[in-house]
Amino acid sequence: SFNQLEQIAQQQQGESIFMGRWLALANSIQWQIEAGLDWNWAQLESDVTLKNSLKASWKPGADYQNNAFLQVPRYFANISATRNFGPLMVRARLGTSYRPIRFKTFELPSLTPRLWAVEPRLDLRYTLSEHAILSSYYRLQQELPDLIDMHPNYIFSEYQLTSRGLPNLAFILGHQAGMHYRYNHRLRQFSWNIGGNVAQNKNQFGTQYQINPFITVQDKFRPVSQESYSVTGGADRYLHNIRSRFEIGFAANFTQETAKLNSENFSNLNQKLYSINLGYGTAFDTWVNVVLSSRTAQIVGRNSSGGSAARSTNWFSTAQISVRPNKVFDLKAYVHQVANRTGSNPLNLVYASDCVAYLRLKKLRSTVEFSAINIFGSQQYNQVFADAFSQTIARVTAVQRFFLLSWEMSF
């Protein structure tokens, strides 16, 4: 009778990168070579409690908890060549990477797979006129899923709760292509763009758990073949009289997945996302700038196996003010929305306030930066997620406030 799941999860992650780049020009070809180390790590801790309609609770033992740790040092090398043939620009890029991964939990032995990846990319750009450019690209992508996707908290259904097994660490193979048209008239300070993208991804991360001879539960990160199509566009216009810039943008994304849910059969999952962006900003040639932006998005999801469509309408907003009295010092402060609930009053939502100050030292060719992140402090809020697979309400704690002092020098 315990058919309500309450789970608490904490995910920590970090990244550091060290890279060298070499540029050269030979025989009208621009060469670029990059090599370095991109170090990623993530840790997931979670706990679970089961409840029923009478609010009685039951807590499983340690076997149903997670304490997963993932280290992904990524050694990479990329080479690209760019050549212009009149108005046509061609860029070919070949990227390689090596990941000696280490995955460890308290209930499983350490896993250390080593994965090679090769990712080619081709870009074409054709200059139609002084103001118009047509560009296209193709990319083969091989990426690992996030830790929370590879080792999510639990499988839960109305039948059984079962702990995780060993994840299958392998690449998600994806093909991406797109075409975009951009128009930018700098003298009139008017620009607009429109484009489309298509992507196809497929993986084999599914792991089935046999509870009894009649019930099989499927891993959350299921075998899936995904196709997505998107159309994006936008325009911005600068008005001299009021020294202001207005922007408008739109986006539409259509996603279809063929996946296994909690059964042996594949199901078609469809999701549509529509969004509209509006923005206002003062001119960059004044010493005080104000930027206001808002975005409205609607998600509609449907499962071909039946049931009504899941809908979610979200609204997000950001306000930013910049002060730059001279070329030595400038300050940016902004408030942004970090939580949204369907149909709720925006005044009841959770906001965060950040501040960044820069001090430029000309003689030392240096920049000192001071950042204050989330001045409002830690706040808890409810976040609604509605997609083609589930409708979930998560209680999330916003990041604690912290301060960062950095120094950058140019040689």
Protein backbone atom coordinates (compact mmCIF):
# COMPACT_ATOMS: atom_id res chain seq x y z
CA SER A 1 0.00 0.00 0.00
CA PHE A 2 3.02 2.34 0.14
CA ASN A 3 2.61 3.95 -3.25
CA GLN A 4 4.03 7.46 -2.62
CA LEU A 5 7.75 8.04 -2.93
CA GLU A 6 9.63 10.84 -1.17
CA GLN A 7 13.30 11.09 -2.04
CA ILE A 8 16.02 13.51 -0.99
CA ALA A 9 18.98 13.89 -3.32
CA GLN A 10 22.12 16.02 -3.21
CA GLN A 11 24.39 16.30 -6.20
CA GLN A 12 27.82 17.93 -6.13
CA GLN A 13 29.91 18.52 -9.21
CA GLY A 14 33.05 20.31 -10.29
CA GLU A 15 35.18 20.93 -13.35
CA SER A 16 38.65 22.22 -14.11
CA ILE A 17 40.33 22.59 -17.47
CA PHE A 18 43.88 23.16 -18.72
CA MET A 19 44.38 23.70 -22.44
CA GLY A 20 46.99 24.86 -24.93
CA ARG A 21 46.24 26.25 -28.39
CA TRP A 22 48.43 26.66 -31.47
CA LEU A 23 47.45 28.79 -34.49
CA ALA A 24 49.09 28.90 -37.90
CA LEU A 25 48.46 30.11 -41.45
CA ALA A 26 49.90 28.14 -44.35
CA ASN A 27 48.86 27.96 -48.01
CA SER A 28 45.73 30.07 -47.35
CA ILE A 29 44.59 27.56 -44.74
CA GLN A 30 44.07 28.59 -41.12
CA TRP A 31 45.11 25.77 -38.79
CA GLN A 32 44.16 25.46 -35.14
CA ILE A 33 45.31 22.72 -32.76
CA GLU A 34 44.10 22.35 -29.20
CA ALA A 35 45.10 19.85 -26.53
CA GLY A 36 44.52 19.64 -22.82
CA LEU A 37 42.82 18.06 -19.82
CA ASP A 38 39.20 18.58 -18.79
CA TRP A 39 38.64 17.14 -15.30
CA ASN A 40 35.07 16.49 -14.17
CA TRP A 41 33.76 14.91 -11.01
CA ALA A 42 30.32 14.44 -9.52
CA GLN A 43 28.88 12.92 -6.38
CA LEU A 44 25.30 11.87 -5.74
CA GLU A 45 23.82 11.13 -2.33
CA SER A 46 20.18 10.21 -1.89
CA ASP A 47 17.73 8.70 0.56
CA VAL A 48 14.14 7.54 0.23
CA THR A 49 10.95 7.16 2.29
CA LEU A 50 7.72 5.43 1.24
CA LYS A 51 4.28 6.71 2.27
CA ASN A 52 0.66 5.72 1.77
CA SER A 53 -2.63 7.59 1.58
CA LEU A 54 -2.89 7.61 5.39
CA LYS A 55 0.48 9.43 5.62
CA ALA A 56 2.11 6.45 7.28
CA SER A 57 5.76 6.08 6.27
CA TRP A 58 8.26 3.26 5.90
CA LYS A 59 11.99 3.71 5.41
CA PRO A 60 13.99 1.01 3.59
CA GLY A 61 17.44 -0.01 4.71
CA ALA A 62 20.87 1.03 3.49
CA ASP A 63 20.56 -1.07 0.33
CA TYR A 64 18.11 1.50 -1.03
CA GLN A 65 20.40 4.49 -0.57
CA ASN A 66 22.87 5.96 -3.03
CA ASN A 67 26.37 7.28 -2.53
CA ALA A 68 27.84 7.33 -6.02
CA PHE A 69 31.09 9.08 -6.96
CA LEU A 70 32.20 9.64 -10.55
CA GLN A 71 35.54 11.00 -11.82
CA VAL A 72 35.92 11.71 -15.53
CA PRO A 73 39.36 13.04 -16.53
CA ARG A 74 39.10 13.82 -20.23
CA TYR A 75 42.28 14.14 -22.28
CA PHE A 76 41.47 15.75 -25.60
CA ALA A 77 43.10 16.96 -28.81
CA ASN A 78 41.34 18.87 -31.60
CA ILE A 79 42.54 20.00 -35.01
CA SER A 80 40.66 22.21 -37.45
CA ALA A 81 41.42 23.68 -40.86
CA THR A 82 39.63 26.69 -42.36
CA ARG A 83 39.77 27.72 -46.02
CA ASN A 84 37.97 30.52 -47.87
CA PHE A 85 36.84 30.06 -51.46
CA GLY A 86 35.58 33.52 -52.29
CA PRO A 87 32.29 34.03 -50.40
CA LEU A 88 32.33 30.39 -49.19
CA MET A 89 34.09 29.43 -45.98
CA VAL A 90 34.77 25.76 -45.19
CA ARG A 91 35.93 24.55 -41.79
CA ALA A 92 36.69 20.90 -41.01
CA ARG A 93 37.34 19.80 -37.44
CA LEU A 94 38.39 16.50 -35.92
CA GLY A 95 38.22 16.03 -32.17
CA THR A 96 39.52 13.08 -30.16
CA SER A 97 39.25 12.36 -26.46
CA TYR A 98 40.25 9.69 -23.95
CA ARG A 99 38.39 9.21 -20.67
CA PRO A 100 39.82 6.90 -17.99
CA ILE A 101 36.66 6.95 -15.86
CA ARG A 102 36.35 5.90 -12.23
CA PHE A 103 32.94 5.09 -10.80
CA LYS A 104 32.45 3.99 -7.19
CA THR A 105 29.64 3.41 -4.69
CA PHE A 106 29.59 1.99 -1.18
CA GLU A 107 27.73 -1.13 -2.34
CA LEU A 108 29.57 -1.91 -5.59
CA PRO A 109 33.23 -2.40 -6.50
CA SER A 110 35.05 0.42 -8.26
CA LEU A 111 34.53 0.50 -12.02
CA THR A 112 37.26 1.94 -14.27
CA PRO A 113 36.31 1.88 -17.96
CA ARG A 114 38.46 3.67 -20.53
CA LEU A 115 36.65 5.19 -23.47
CA TRP A 116 37.95 6.67 -26.71
CA ALA A 117 35.84 9.08 -28.75
CA VAL A 118 36.24 10.62 -32.20
CA GLU A 119 34.00 13.58 -33.06
CA PRO A 120 34.23 15.15 -36.54
CA ARG A 121 32.47 18.39 -37.49
CA LEU A 122 31.99 20.29 -40.77
CA ASP A 123 30.94 23.95 -41.01
CA LEU A 124 29.98 25.86 -44.15
CA ARG A 125 29.35 29.60 -44.31
CA TYR A 126 28.29 31.52 -47.40
CA THR A 127 28.32 35.34 -47.46
CA LEU A 128 25.26 36.42 -49.46
CA SER A 129 25.84 40.14 -49.10
CA GLU A 130 27.46 42.70 -46.84
CA HIS A 131 24.80 42.08 -44.21
CA ALA A 132 23.52 38.54 -44.79
CA ILE A 133 25.17 35.17 -44.04
CA LEU A 134 23.92 31.63 -44.57
CA SER A 135 25.60 28.92 -42.46
CA SER A 136 25.21 25.20 -41.95
CA TYR A 137 26.95 22.48 -39.94
CA TYR A 138 27.09 18.75 -39.22
CA ARG A 139 28.48 17.17 -36.06
CA LEU A 140 28.97 13.64 -34.76
CA GLN A 141 28.73 13.73 -30.97
CA GLN A 142 29.77 11.10 -28.43
CA GLU A 143 29.08 12.17 -24.87
CA LEU A 144 28.51 10.53 -21.53
CA PRO A 145 25.22 11.15 -19.72
CA ASP A 146 25.18 13.00 -16.43
CA LEU A 147 25.77 11.10 -13.23
CA ILE A 148 22.19 11.55 -12.12
CA ASP A 149 21.05 9.92 -15.37
CA MET A 150 23.49 7.02 -15.19
CA HIS A 151 22.86 6.33 -11.52
CA PRO A 152 19.48 7.86 -10.65
CA ASN A 153 17.92 7.38 -7.27
CA TYR A 154 15.50 4.52 -7.63
CA ILE A 155 13.08 2.60 -9.73
CA PHE A 156 9.65 3.09 -8.27
CA SER A 157 6.29 1.80 -9.41
CA GLU A 158 3.11 0.69 -7.67
CA TYR A 159 4.56 -2.82 -7.47
CA GLN A 160 8.06 -2.66 -6.08
CA LEU A 161 11.04 -0.52 -5.13
CA THR A 162 14.45 -1.82 -6.11
CA SER A 163 17.97 -0.47 -5.74
CA ARG A 164 20.35 0.32 -8.58
CA GLY A 165 22.67 -2.02 -10.34
CA LEU A 166 25.95 -1.28 -12.04
CA PRO A 167 25.46 1.35 -14.78
CA ASN A 168 26.60 0.72 -18.31
CA LEU A 169 29.14 3.50 -18.89
CA ALA A 170 29.09 4.08 -22.63
CA PHE A 171 28.75 6.99 -25.03
CA ILE A 172 25.49 8.39 -26.30
CA LEU A 173 25.98 8.52 -30.06
CA GLY A 174 24.31 11.52 -31.69
CA HIS A 175 24.08 13.19 -35.08
CA GLN A 176 23.39 16.93 -35.25
CA ALA A 177 22.85 19.23 -38.23
CA GLY A 178 21.50 22.71 -38.73
CA MET A 179 21.14 25.69 -41.03
CA HIS A 180 20.83 29.36 -40.07
CA TYR A 181 20.29 32.67 -41.85
CA ARG A 182 21.51 35.87 -40.20
CA TYR A 183 21.04 39.48 -41.24
CA ASN A 184 22.91 42.25 -39.44
CA HIS A 185 22.84 45.87 -40.60
CA ARG A 186 25.27 47.52 -38.22
CA LEU A 187 24.79 51.08 -39.48
CA ARG A 188 21.05 50.91 -38.92
CA GLN A 189 21.65 48.74 -35.86
CA PHE A 190 19.06 46.20 -36.84
CA SER A 191 19.48 42.44 -37.05
CA TRP A 192 17.41 39.29 -37.27
CA ASN A 193 18.01 35.59 -37.62
CA ILE A 194 16.16 32.37 -38.26
CA GLY A 195 17.36 28.80 -38.29
CA GLY A 196 16.60 25.17 -37.70
CA ASN A 197 18.33 22.18 -36.18
CA VAL A 198 17.83 18.45 -36.25
CA ALA A 199 19.38 15.91 -33.89
CA GLN A 200 19.21 12.16 -33.48
CA ASN A 201 20.56 10.31 -30.44
CA LYS A 202 20.52 6.66 -29.50
CA ASN A 203 21.84 4.75 -26.52
CA GLN A 204 21.72 1.33 -24.92
CA PHE A 205 21.78 2.23 -21.23
CA GLY A 206 18.74 0.25 -20.19
CA THR A 207 19.08 -2.34 -17.41
CA GLN A 208 16.11 -4.54 -16.51
CA TYR A 209 15.44 -5.81 -13.00
CA GLN A 210 13.49 -9.04 -12.62
CA ILE A 211 11.47 -8.79 -9.40
CA ASN A 212 9.54 -11.99 -9.93
CA PRO A 213 8.72 -14.12 -12.99
CA PHE A 214 5.83 -11.83 -13.88
CA ILE A 215 7.03 -8.29 -13.15
CA THR A 216 9.98 -6.60 -14.81
CA VAL A 217 10.95 -3.02 -13.95
CA GLN A 218 13.00 -0.92 -16.34
CA ASP A 219 15.92 1.33 -15.42
CA LYS A 220 15.07 5.03 -15.52
CA PHE A 221 17.76 5.70 -18.15
CA ARG A 222 16.05 3.49 -20.70
CA PRO A 223 17.12 2.35 -24.18
CA VAL A 224 15.89 5.19 -26.32
CA SER A 225 16.04 6.48 -29.86
CA GLN A 226 15.40 10.23 -29.85
CA GLU A 227 14.74 12.65 -32.69
CA SER A 228 14.31 16.38 -32.22
CA TYR A 229 13.56 19.23 -34.58
CA SER A 230 13.78 22.87 -33.63
CA VAL A 231 13.14 26.25 -35.21
CA THR A 232 14.59 29.40 -33.65
CA GLY A 233 14.49 33.04 -34.57
CA GLY A 234 14.79 36.53 -33.20
CA ALA A 235 15.34 40.19 -33.95
CA ASP A 236 16.67 43.25 -32.17
CA ARG A 237 16.35 46.93 -32.99
CA TYR A 238 18.24 49.91 -31.58
CA LEU A 239 16.29 53.20 -31.33
CA HIS A 240 18.50 56.29 -31.38
CA ASN A 241 15.94 58.65 -29.87
CA ILE A 242 15.66 56.82 -26.55
CA ARG A 243 19.02 55.05 -26.73
CA SER A 244 17.42 51.69 -26.17
CA ARG A 245 17.41 48.24 -27.68
CA PHE A 246 14.40 45.96 -28.00
CA GLU A 247 14.65 42.24 -28.67
CA ILE A 248 12.13 39.55 -29.46
CA GLY A 249 12.72 35.87 -30.03
CA PHE A 250 10.80 32.66 -30.52
CA ALA A 251 11.63 28.98 -30.40
CA ALA A 252 9.81 25.76 -31.14
CA ASN A 253 11.17 22.31 -30.36
CA PHE A 254 9.56 18.98 -31.23
CA THR A 255 10.94 15.80 -29.70
CA GLN A 256 9.91 12.20 -30.29
CA GLU A 257 11.34 9.24 -28.45
CA THR A 258 10.90 5.54 -28.93
CA ALA A 259 11.69 4.06 -25.54
CA LYS A 260 10.95 1.37 -23.01
CA LEU A 261 8.96 2.44 -20.01
CA ASN A 262 8.11 -0.03 -17.24
CA SER A 263 7.37 -2.87 -19.62
CA GLU A 264 8.90 -5.02 -22.31
CA ASN A 265 7.21 -3.02 -25.06
CA PHE A 266 8.47 0.17 -26.68
CA SER A 267 6.34 3.30 -26.51
CA ASN A 268 6.36 6.51 -28.50
CA LEU A 269 6.77 9.66 -26.41
CA ASN A 270 6.14 13.10 -27.90
CA GLN A 271 6.95 16.48 -26.43
CA LYS A 272 6.54 19.99 -27.80
CA LEU A 273 8.13 23.13 -26.37
CA TYR A 274 7.18 26.66 -27.40
CA SER A 275 8.81 29.78 -25.99
CA ILE A 276 8.78 33.53 -26.58
CA ASN A 277 11.54 35.87 -25.37
CA LEU A 278 11.20 39.62 -24.86
CA GLY A 279 14.02 41.94 -23.86
CA TYR A 280 14.76 45.61 -23.34
CA GLY A 281 18.12 47.25 -22.80
CA THR A 282 19.60 50.73 -22.76
CA ALA A 283 22.47 51.68 -25.03
CA PHE A 284 26.00 50.46 -24.49
CA ASP A 285 27.37 53.97 -25.01
CA THR A 286 26.00 55.26 -21.72
CA TRP A 287 27.65 54.68 -18.36
CA VAL A 288 24.48 53.19 -16.84
CA ASN A 289 22.76 50.31 -18.59
CA VAL A 290 19.57 48.48 -17.73
CA VAL A 291 18.55 45.13 -19.23
CA LEU A 292 15.14 43.54 -18.66
CA SER A 293 14.17 40.19 -20.14
CA SER A 294 11.39 37.66 -19.76
CA ARG A 295 10.58 34.29 -21.28
CA THR A 296 7.36 32.34 -21.47
CA ALA A 297 7.50 28.65 -22.28
CA GLN A 298 4.83 25.99 -22.67
CA ILE A 299 5.55 22.28 -22.64
CA VAL A 300 3.06 19.74 -23.99
CA GLY A 301 3.86 16.04 -23.64
CA ARG A 302 1.95 12.93 -24.63
CA ASN A 303 2.52 9.19 -24.36
CA SER A 304 1.21 7.06 -27.20
CA SER A 305 0.26 4.31 -24.74
CA GLY A 306 -2.64 6.44 -23.54
CA GLY A 307 -3.49 9.10 -21.00
CA SER A 308 -3.99 12.83 -21.23
CA ALA A 309 -1.32 15.26 -22.32
CA ALA A 310 0.88 16.81 -19.62
CA ARG A 311 1.05 20.60 -19.88
CA SER A 312 3.21 23.12 -18.09
CA THR A 313 3.44 26.88 -18.63
CA ASN A 314 6.47 28.61 -17.14
CA TRP A 315 7.53 32.23 -16.91
CA PHE A 316 11.08 33.41 -16.19
CA SER A 317 12.47 36.91 -15.78
CA THR A 318 15.79 38.69 -15.27
CA ALA A 319 16.69 42.30 -14.43
CA GLN A 320 20.24 43.61 -14.73
CA ILE A 321 21.87 46.98 -14.14
CA SER A 322 25.43 47.85 -15.16
CA VAL A 323 27.45 50.87 -14.01
CA ARG A 324 30.68 51.80 -15.80
CA PRO A 325 31.80 55.34 -14.99
CA ASN A 326 35.18 54.80 -16.70
CA LYS A 327 37.30 52.15 -18.37
CA VAL A 328 38.91 51.08 -15.10
CA PHE A 329 35.91 50.05 -13.03
CA ASP A 330 32.48 48.60 -13.73
CA LEU A 331 29.79 46.92 -11.65
CA LYS A 332 26.96 44.54 -12.61
CA ALA A 333 24.07 43.59 -10.37
CA TYR A 334 21.13 41.49 -11.43
CA VAL A 335 18.12 39.66 -10.07
CA HIS A 336 16.94 36.48 -11.76
CA GLN A 337 14.13 34.05 -11.16
CA VAL A 338 15.24 30.65 -9.92
CA ALA A 339 11.87 28.95 -9.35
CA ASN A 340 8.57 28.77 -11.14
CA ARG A 341 5.32 27.03 -10.41
CA THR A 342 2.53 26.54 -12.92
CA GLY A 343 -0.23 29.09 -12.49
CA SER A 344 1.34 30.76 -9.46
CA ASN A 345 1.72 34.44 -8.72
CA PRO A 346 5.18 35.72 -9.80
CA LEU A 347 5.42 37.65 -6.53
CA ASN A 348 5.41 34.35 -4.64
CA LEU A 349 8.30 32.88 -6.59
CA VAL A 350 11.94 32.67 -5.54
CA TYR A 351 14.53 35.11 -6.86
CA ALA A 352 18.29 35.34 -6.51
CA SER A 353 20.51 38.42 -6.63
CA ASP A 354 24.12 38.42 -7.81
CA CYS A 355 26.77 41.13 -8.08
CA VAL A 356 30.04 41.28 -10.03
CA ALA A 357 32.63 44.08 -9.82
CA TYR A 358 35.67 44.51 -12.10
CA LEU A 359 38.81 46.56 -11.53
CA ARG A 360 41.26 46.84 -14.44
CA LEU A 361 44.91 47.64 -13.72
CA LYS A 362 46.43 49.01 -16.91
CA LYS A 363 50.07 48.93 -15.85
CA LEU A 364 49.96 45.28 -14.81
CA ARG A 365 47.63 44.24 -17.67
CA SER A 366 45.42 42.69 -15.04
CA THR A 367 41.78 42.45 -14.09
CA VAL A 368 40.58 41.87 -10.55
CA GLU A 369 37.08 40.45 -10.26
CA PHE A 370 34.90 40.22 -7.14
CA SER A 371 31.68 38.22 -7.29
CA ALA A 372 28.91 37.84 -4.72
CA ILE A 373 26.65 34.94 -5.67
CA ASN A 374 23.07 34.61 -4.42
CA ILE A 375 23.08 37.52 -2.00
CA PHE A 376 19.57 36.53 -0.89
CA GLY A 377 21.00 33.34 0.58
CA SER A 378 19.73 29.77 0.52
CA GLN A 379 16.01 29.43 -0.20
CA GLN A 380 13.75 26.45 -0.63
CA TYR A 381 11.11 26.26 -3.33
CA ASN A 382 8.88 23.82 -5.17
CA GLN A 383 9.62 23.23 -8.85
CA VAL A 384 7.09 21.65 -11.22
CA PHE A 385 8.36 19.41 -14.01
CA ALA A 386 5.88 18.29 -16.67
CA ASP A 387 7.13 16.26 -19.59
CA ALA A 388 6.11 13.32 -21.71
CA PHE A 389 7.19 10.80 -19.09
CA SER A 390 5.97 12.06 -15.75
CA GLN A 391 4.68 15.02 -13.81
CA THR A 392 6.75 15.61 -10.69
CA ILE A 393 6.99 18.29 -8.02
CA ALA A 394 10.49 18.62 -6.56
CA ARG A 395 11.40 20.66 -3.49
CA VAL A 396 14.77 22.25 -4.21
CA THR A 397 17.13 24.33 -2.09
CA ALA A 398 18.78 27.20 -3.95
CA VAL A 399 22.56 27.49 -3.74
CA GLN A 400 24.09 29.01 -0.63
CA ARG A 401 25.59 32.47 -0.97
CA PHE A 402 29.30 32.60 -1.58
CA PHE A 403 31.97 35.09 -2.67
CA LEU A 404 34.69 34.74 -5.29
CA LEU A 405 37.84 36.83 -5.79
CA SER A 406 39.86 36.24 -8.96
CA TRP A 407 42.79 37.84 -10.71
CA GLU A 408 43.65 37.58 -14.40
CA MET A 409 46.86 38.78 -16.09
CA SER A 410 47.71 39.04 -19.78
CA PHE A 411 51.24 38.55 -21.11
